[in-house]
C-alpha atoms as a PDB file:
ATOM      1  CA  UNK A   1      28.988   1.481  29.055  1.00  0.00           C
ATOM      2  CA  UNK A   2      28.575   3.633  25.743  1.00  0.00           C
ATOM      3  CA  UNK A   3      26.371   6.973  25.379  1.00  0.00           C
ATOM      4  CA  UNK A   4      24.413   5.200  22.706  1.00  0.00           C
ATOM      5  CA  UNK A   5      23.485   2.191  25.424  1.00  0.00           C
ATOM      6  CA  UNK A   6      23.092   3.350  28.277  1.00  0.00           C
ATOM      7  CA  UNK A   7      19.620   5.405  27.511  1.00  0.00           C
ATOM      8  CA  UNK A   8      18.683   2.085  25.573  1.00  0.00           C
ATOM      9  CA  UNK A   9      18.438   0.026  29.074  1.00  0.00           C
ATOM     10  CA  UNK A  10      15.965   2.596  30.467  1.00  0.00           C
ATOM     11  CA  UNK A  11      14.322   3.267  27.571  1.00  0.00           C
ATOM     12  CA  UNK A  12      10.991   1.938  27.585  1.00  0.00           C
ATOM     13  CA  UNK A  13      10.115   3.687  30.848  1.00  0.00           C
ATOM     14  CA  UNK A  14      11.009   6.576  29.911  1.00  0.00           C
ATOM     15  CA  UNK A  15       9.259   5.962  25.774  1.00  0.00           C
ATOM     16  CA  UNK A  16       5.853   5.098  28.037  1.00  0.00           C
ATOM     17  CA  UNK A  17       5.872   8.256  29.353  1.00  0.00           C
ATOM     18  CA  UNK A  18       6.889  10.088  27.313  1.00  0.00           C
ATOM     19  CA  UNK A  19       4.147   8.672  24.712  1.00  0.00           C
ATOM     20  CA  UNK A  20       1.838   9.135  27.046  1.00  0.00           C
ATOM     21  CA  UNK A  21       2.713  12.063  28.877  1.00  0.00           C
ATOM     22  CA  UNK A  22       2.929  13.207  25.727  1.00  0.00           C
ATOM     23  CA  UNK A  23      -0.338  12.735  24.349  1.00  0.00           C
ATOM     24  CA  UNK A  24      -2.577  14.149  28.080  1.00  0.00           C
ATOM     25  CA  UNK A  25      -0.025  17.664  27.102  1.00  0.00           C
ATOM     26  CA  UNK A  26      -1.638  17.226  23.191  1.00  0.00           C
ATOM     27  CA  UNK A  27      -5.071  16.673  24.815  1.00  0.00           C
ATOM     28  CA  UNK A  28      -4.505  19.937  26.930  1.00  0.00           C
ATOM     29  CA  UNK A  29      -3.244  22.080  24.376  1.00  0.00           C
ATOM     30  CA  UNK A  30      -6.667  20.733  22.282  1.00  0.00           C
ATOM     31  CA  UNK A  31      -8.728  21.864  24.903  1.00  0.00           C
ATOM     32  CA  UNK A  32      -6.976  25.433  25.529  1.00  0.00           C
ATOM     33  CA  UNK A  33      -7.407  26.118  21.981  1.00  0.00           C
ATOM     34  CA  UNK A  34     -11.130  24.838  21.680  1.00  0.00           C
ATOM     35  CA  UNK A  35     -12.308  26.551  24.844  1.00  0.00           C
ATOM     36  CA  UNK A  36     -10.871  29.977  23.765  1.00  0.00           C
ATOM     37  CA  UNK A  37     -12.950  30.690  21.102  1.00  0.00           C
ATOM     38  CA  UNK A  38     -10.154  32.085  18.753  1.00  0.00           C
ATOM     39  CA  UNK A  39      -9.776  29.541  16.072  1.00  0.00           C
ATOM     40  CA  UNK A  40      -8.433  25.480  16.378  1.00  0.00           C
ATOM     41  CA  UNK A  41      -5.804  23.731  14.427  1.00  0.00           C
ATOM     42  CA  UNK A  42      -6.737  22.626  11.700  1.00  0.00           C
ATOM     43  CA  UNK A  43      -7.958  19.175  11.818  1.00  0.00           C
ATOM     44  CA  UNK A  44      -9.470  20.231  15.480  1.00  0.00           C
ATOM     45  CA  UNK A  45     -11.717  22.553  13.300  1.00  0.00           C
ATOM     46  CA  UNK A  46     -12.680  19.727  11.011  1.00  0.00           C
ATOM     47  CA  UNK A  47     -13.227  17.382  14.298  1.00  0.00           C
ATOM     48  CA  UNK A  48     -15.108  20.254  16.186  1.00  0.00           C
ATOM     49  CA  UNK A  49     -17.205  20.590  12.856  1.00  0.00           C
ATOM     50  CA  UNK A  50     -17.904  16.823  12.530  1.00  0.00           C
ATOM     51  CA  UNK A  51     -19.619  16.904  16.395  1.00  0.00           C
ATOM     52  CA  UNK A  52     -21.341  19.842  15.797  1.00  0.00           C
ATOM     53  CA  UNK A  53     -22.781  17.951  13.096  1.00  0.00           C
ATOM     54  CA  UNK A  54     -23.244  14.944  14.313  1.00  0.00           C
ATOM     55  CA  UNK A  55     -23.952  16.376  18.640  1.00  0.00           C
ATOM     56  CA  UNK A  56     -20.692  13.703  19.663  1.00  0.00           C
ATOM     57  CA  UNK A  57     -18.178  15.563  21.712  1.00  0.00           C
ATOM     58  CA  UNK A  58     -14.825  17.023  19.895  1.00  0.00           C
ATOM     59  CA  UNK A  59     -13.293  13.784  21.572  1.00  0.00           C
ATOM     60  CA  UNK A  60     -15.051  11.059  20.666  1.00  0.00           C
ATOM     61  CA  UNK A  61     -15.295  12.919  17.149  1.00  0.00           C
ATOM     62  CA  UNK A  62     -10.895  12.228  17.019  1.00  0.00           C
ATOM     63  CA  UNK A  63     -11.167   9.177  18.277  1.00  0.00           C
ATOM     64  CA  UNK A  64     -13.860   8.136  15.436  1.00  0.00           C
ATOM     65  CA  UNK A  65     -11.485   9.932  13.201  1.00  0.00           C
ATOM     66  CA  UNK A  66      -8.240   8.471  14.257  1.00  0.00           C
ATOM     67  CA  UNK A  67      -9.447   5.052  13.488  1.00  0.00           C
ATOM     68  CA  UNK A  68     -11.071   5.953  10.618  1.00  0.00           C
ATOM     69  CA  UNK A  69      -7.843   7.176   9.232  1.00  0.00           C
ATOM     70  CA  UNK A  70      -5.569   4.314   9.664  1.00  0.00           C
ATOM     71  CA  UNK A  71      -7.940   2.176   7.622  1.00  0.00           C
ATOM     72  CA  UNK A  72      -6.352   5.097   4.606  1.00  0.00           C
ATOM     73  CA  UNK A  73      -3.034   3.306   5.977  1.00  0.00           C
ATOM     74  CA  UNK A  74      -3.858   0.009   4.575  1.00  0.00           C
ATOM     75  CA  UNK A  75      -2.749   1.394   0.626  1.00  0.00           C
ATOM     76  CA  UNK A  76      -0.252   3.836   2.508  1.00  0.00           C
ATOM     77  CA  UNK A  77       1.611   0.381   3.316  1.00  0.00           C
ATOM     78  CA  UNK A  78       1.582   2.200   6.819  1.00  0.00           C
ATOM     79  CA  UNK A  79       1.877  -0.291  10.388  1.00  0.00           C
ATOM     80  CA  UNK A  80       0.617   1.178  13.069  1.00  0.00           C
ATOM     81  CA  UNK A  81       2.934   0.848  16.645  1.00  0.00           C
ATOM     82  CA  UNK A  82       1.991   1.029  20.258  1.00  0.00           C
ATOM     83  CA  UNK A  83       1.681   5.370  19.674  1.00  0.00           C
ATOM     84  CA  UNK A  84      -0.297   4.572  17.098  1.00  0.00           C
ATOM     85  CA  UNK A  85      -3.298   2.832  19.111  1.00  0.00           C
ATOM     86  CA  UNK A  86      -2.687   4.636  21.688  1.00  0.00           C
ATOM     87  CA  UNK A  87      -3.023   7.840  20.026  1.00  0.00           C
ATOM     88  CA  UNK A  88      -6.988   6.590  18.547  1.00  0.00           C
ATOM     89  CA  UNK A  89      -7.576   5.245  22.418  1.00  0.00           C
ATOM     90  CA  UNK A  90      -6.132   7.723  24.368  1.00  0.00           C
ATOM     91  CA  UNK A  91      -6.081  11.778  22.712  1.00  0.00           C
ATOM     92  CA  UNK A  92      -9.593  11.796  22.471  1.00  0.00           C
ATOM     93  CA  UNK A  93     -10.024  11.482  26.203  1.00  0.00           C
ATOM     94  CA  UNK A  94      -8.163  13.632  27.415  1.00  0.00           C
ATOM     95  CA  UNK A  95      -9.236  16.119  24.978  1.00  0.00           C
ATOM     96  CA  UNK A  96     -12.413  16.290  26.774  1.00  0.00           C
ATOM     97  CA  UNK A  97     -11.384  16.234  30.375  1.00  0.00           C
ATOM     98  CA  UNK A  98      -9.349  18.991  29.157  1.00  0.00           C
ATOM     99  CA  UNK A  99     -12.613  20.638  27.863  1.00  0.00           C
ATOM    100  CA  UNK A 100     -14.925  19.824  30.888  1.00  0.00           C
ATOM    101  CA  UNK A 101     -12.651  20.866  33.373  1.00  0.00           C
ATOM    102  CA  UNK A 102     -10.777  23.840  31.540  1.00  0.00           C
ATOM    103  CA  UNK A 103     -13.624  27.440  32.839  1.00  0.00           C
ATOM    104  CA  UNK A 104     -14.395  28.987  28.675  1.00  0.00           C
ATOM    105  CA  UNK A 105     -12.693  33.037  29.432  1.00  0.00           C
ATOM    106  CA  UNK A 106     -14.699  35.893  27.810  1.00  0.00           C
ATOM    107  CA  UNK A 107     -12.012  38.219  28.642  1.00  0.00           C
ATOM    108  CA  UNK A 108      -9.466  38.372  25.100  1.00  0.00           C
ATOM    109  CA  UNK A 109      -6.981  38.534  27.160  1.00  0.00           C
ATOM    110  CA  UNK A 110      -7.269  35.083  28.601  1.00  0.00           C
ATOM    111  CA  UNK A 111      -8.602  33.671  25.047  1.00  0.00           C
ATOM    112  CA  UNK A 112      -4.962  34.867  24.066  1.00  0.00           C
ATOM    113  CA  UNK A 113      -3.527  33.727  26.604  1.00  0.00           C
ATOM    114  CA  UNK A 114      -5.171  29.961  26.000  1.00  0.00           C
ATOM    115  CA  UNK A 115      -4.263  30.174  22.416  1.00  0.00           C
ATOM    116  CA  UNK A 116      -1.117  31.020  23.092  1.00  0.00           C
ATOM    117  CA  UNK A 117      -0.455  28.290  25.938  1.00  0.00           C
ATOM    118  CA  UNK A 118      -2.507  25.592  23.139  1.00  0.00           C
ATOM    119  CA  UNK A 119      -0.177  25.913  20.716  1.00  0.00           C
ATOM    120  CA  UNK A 120       3.008  25.519  22.473  1.00  0.00           C
ATOM    121  CA  UNK A 121       1.185  23.136  24.662  1.00  0.00           C
ATOM    122  CA  UNK A 122       0.444  20.895  21.526  1.00  0.00           C
ATOM    123  CA  UNK A 123       4.331  21.788  19.851  1.00  0.00           C
ATOM    124  CA  UNK A 124       5.822  20.031  22.640  1.00  0.00           C
ATOM    125  CA  UNK A 125       3.486  17.041  23.167  1.00  0.00           C
ATOM    126  CA  UNK A 126       4.441  16.484  19.335  1.00  0.00           C
ATOM    127  CA  UNK A 127       7.988  16.256  20.299  1.00  0.00           C
ATOM    128  CA  UNK A 128       7.257  13.591  23.074  1.00  0.00           C
ATOM    129  CA  UNK A 129       5.057  11.775  21.482  1.00  0.00           C
ATOM    130  CA  UNK A 130       6.941  11.189  18.327  1.00  0.00           C
ATOM    131  CA  UNK A 131      10.620  11.283  20.522  1.00  0.00           C
ATOM    132  CA  UNK A 132       8.809   8.384  21.437  1.00  0.00           C
ATOM    133  CA  UNK A 133       9.421   6.453  18.999  1.00  0.00           C
ATOM    134  CA  UNK A 134       6.626   4.210  18.905  1.00  0.00           C
ATOM    135  CA  UNK A 135       4.683   4.741  15.723  1.00  0.00           C
ATOM    136  CA  UNK A 136       3.525   8.390  14.108  1.00  0.00           C
ATOM    137  CA  UNK A 137      -0.685   9.163  14.985  1.00  0.00           C
ATOM    138  CA  UNK A 138      -3.078   8.073  13.055  1.00  0.00           C
ATOM    139  CA  UNK A 139      -3.112  11.513  10.921  1.00  0.00           C
ATOM    140  CA  UNK A 140       0.735  11.702  10.685  1.00  0.00           C
ATOM    141  CA  UNK A 141       0.822   8.857   9.000  1.00  0.00           C
ATOM    142  CA  UNK A 142      -0.909   9.765   6.343  1.00  0.00           C
ATOM    143  CA  UNK A 143       1.237  12.200   5.521  1.00  0.00           C
ATOM    144  CA  UNK A 144       4.738  10.226   6.031  1.00  0.00           C
ATOM    145  CA  UNK A 145       2.694   7.734   3.528  1.00  0.00           C
ATOM    146  CA  UNK A 146       2.631  10.027   1.438  1.00  0.00           C
ATOM    147  CA  UNK A 147       5.501  11.260   1.777  1.00  0.00           C
ATOM    148  CA  UNK A 148       6.879   7.513   0.448  1.00  0.00           C
ATOM    149  CA  UNK A 149       4.749   7.454  -2.565  1.00  0.00           C
ATOM    150  CA  UNK A 150       6.650  10.677  -3.735  1.00  0.00           C
ATOM    151  CA  UNK A 151       4.907  14.037  -2.820  1.00  0.00           C
ATOM    152  CA  UNK A 152       7.638  16.540  -0.418  1.00  0.00           C
ATOM    153  CA  UNK A 153       6.907  16.216   3.505  1.00  0.00           C
ATOM    154  CA  UNK A 154       5.657  20.150   3.141  1.00  0.00           C
ATOM    155  CA  UNK A 155       2.812  19.433   0.139  1.00  0.00           C
ATOM    156  CA  UNK A 156       1.969  16.638   1.845  1.00  0.00           C
ATOM    157  CA  UNK A 157       0.906  17.921   5.352  1.00  0.00           C
ATOM    158  CA  UNK A 158      -0.142  21.237   3.126  1.00  0.00           C
ATOM    159  CA  UNK A 159      -2.792  19.300   1.189  1.00  0.00           C
ATOM    160  CA  UNK A 160      -4.331  17.731   4.407  1.00  0.00           C
ATOM    161  CA  UNK A 161      -4.279  20.775   6.521  1.00  0.00           C
ATOM    162  CA  UNK A 162      -6.272  23.022   3.414  1.00  0.00           C
ATOM    163  CA  UNK A 163      -8.035  19.999   2.761  1.00  0.00           C
ATOM    164  CA  UNK A 164      -9.417  19.373   6.605  1.00  0.00           C
ATOM    165  CA  UNK A 165      -9.552  22.808   7.247  1.00  0.00           C
ATOM    166  CA  UNK A 166     -12.046  23.670   4.409  1.00  0.00           C
ATOM    167  CA  UNK A 167     -13.918  20.309   5.743  1.00  0.00           C
ATOM    168  CA  UNK A 168     -14.170  21.344   9.080  1.00  0.00           C
ATOM    169  CA  UNK A 169     -15.027  25.586   8.497  1.00  0.00           C
ATOM    170  CA  UNK A 170     -17.232  24.277   6.257  1.00  0.00           C
ATOM    171  CA  UNK A 171     -19.602  22.147   8.644  1.00  0.00           C
ATOM    172  CA  UNK A 172     -19.058  24.599  11.730  1.00  0.00           C
ATOM    173  CA  UNK A 173     -15.597  24.523  13.501  1.00  0.00           C
ATOM    174  CA  UNK A 174     -13.751  27.642  14.268  1.00  0.00           C
ATOM    175  CA  UNK A 175     -11.341  29.416  12.726  1.00  0.00           C
ATOM    176  CA  UNK A 176      -9.901  32.289  13.442  1.00  0.00           C
ATOM    177  CA  UNK A 177      -6.724  33.984  14.684  1.00  0.00           C
ATOM    178  CA  UNK A 178      -5.799  31.031  16.788  1.00  0.00           C
ATOM    179  CA  UNK A 179      -5.483  28.937  13.712  1.00  0.00           C
ATOM    180  CA  UNK A 180      -3.681  31.158  11.627  1.00  0.00           C
ATOM    181  CA  UNK A 181      -1.177  32.049  15.176  1.00  0.00           C
ATOM    182  CA  UNK A 182      -0.307  27.586  14.756  1.00  0.00           C
ATOM    183  CA  UNK A 183       0.076  27.417  11.239  1.00  0.00           C
ATOM    184  CA  UNK A 184       2.358  30.288  12.097  1.00  0.00           C
ATOM    185  CA  UNK A 185       4.091  29.865  15.155  1.00  0.00           C
ATOM    186  CA  UNK A 186       3.864  25.306  15.453  1.00  0.00           C
ATOM    187  CA  UNK A 187       6.958  24.451  13.351  1.00  0.00           C
ATOM    188  CA  UNK A 188       9.454  26.990  15.163  1.00  0.00           C
ATOM    189  CA  UNK A 189       8.306  25.707  18.504  1.00  0.00           C
ATOM    190  CA  UNK A 190       8.074  22.309  17.447  1.00  0.00           C
ATOM    191  CA  UNK A 191      11.770  22.475  16.040  1.00  0.00           C
ATOM    192  CA  UNK A 192      12.689  25.241  19.738  1.00  0.00           C
ATOM    193  CA  UNK A 193      11.380  22.252  21.878  1.00  0.00           C
ATOM    194  CA  UNK A 194      13.506  19.044  20.281  1.00  0.00           C
ATOM    195  CA  UNK A 195      16.760  20.993  21.973  1.00  0.00           C
ATOM    196  CA  UNK A 196      15.750  19.529  25.200  1.00  0.00           C
ATOM    197  CA  UNK A 197      13.592  16.554  24.279  1.00  0.00           C
ATOM    198  CA  UNK A 198      15.613  14.775  20.862  1.00  0.00           C
ATOM    199  CA  UNK A 199      13.374  13.238  18.614  1.00  0.00           C
ATOM    200  CA  UNK A 200      16.369  10.245  18.792  1.00  0.00           C
END
C-alpha cells in the first residue's frame, strides 16, 4: 500500500470530521470575536450590521447571506460541494450557539484574549474545512470565481473584504482593534496551521 493510497482508504470519515469539526471551530471563533466587542472580521462586521438592522441573530444572517451568495456562483460558473452546502447550513448555527454559551467579558484583558482565541480558531478552522476537500464556503467561492475571471487572489480577496467591511460598518457592525488583528494575523496563522493539517 503506497503512501498516496493509504489515506484515501479512510478519507471519507476523516474528511467529514475535518469539515464539520472545522465549521464548529469556525463558529466558535466567530462567537469569540463578536463577544469580545473589540471588532469582528470583515464578513462578520457585515453579518452583524445586517442582523442589527433586520432584528436577526448574526447566525441567521450568516445562513441567509451564505445562501444568497451562492446565487453569485451561477455567473461565476462555480460548483458547490457538500462542504459548501454544509457551510451555509451549519456555520451560522455554530456561531449563534457560541455567542449564546460564551459569557460577555467586561475586562479588556479577557476581551483581548477572546480576540486572540477567536482569530486563532478561525485560522485553524479554515485549514480544517478547506483541507476536507469537499467544496469551498460560499464566500470563498466568490473569490475563486473572480480569480478564474482573471483577478489575482490578493486583489479578489481585498475587493470582497473591503466591500463587506465598509457595508457592515455603515450598517452598524463592530469595527475595531479586533478587526485589525484579524486582518494582520489570519494569513500567517492559517499558514502556520497548514504545517500540522496539510491542505492536500
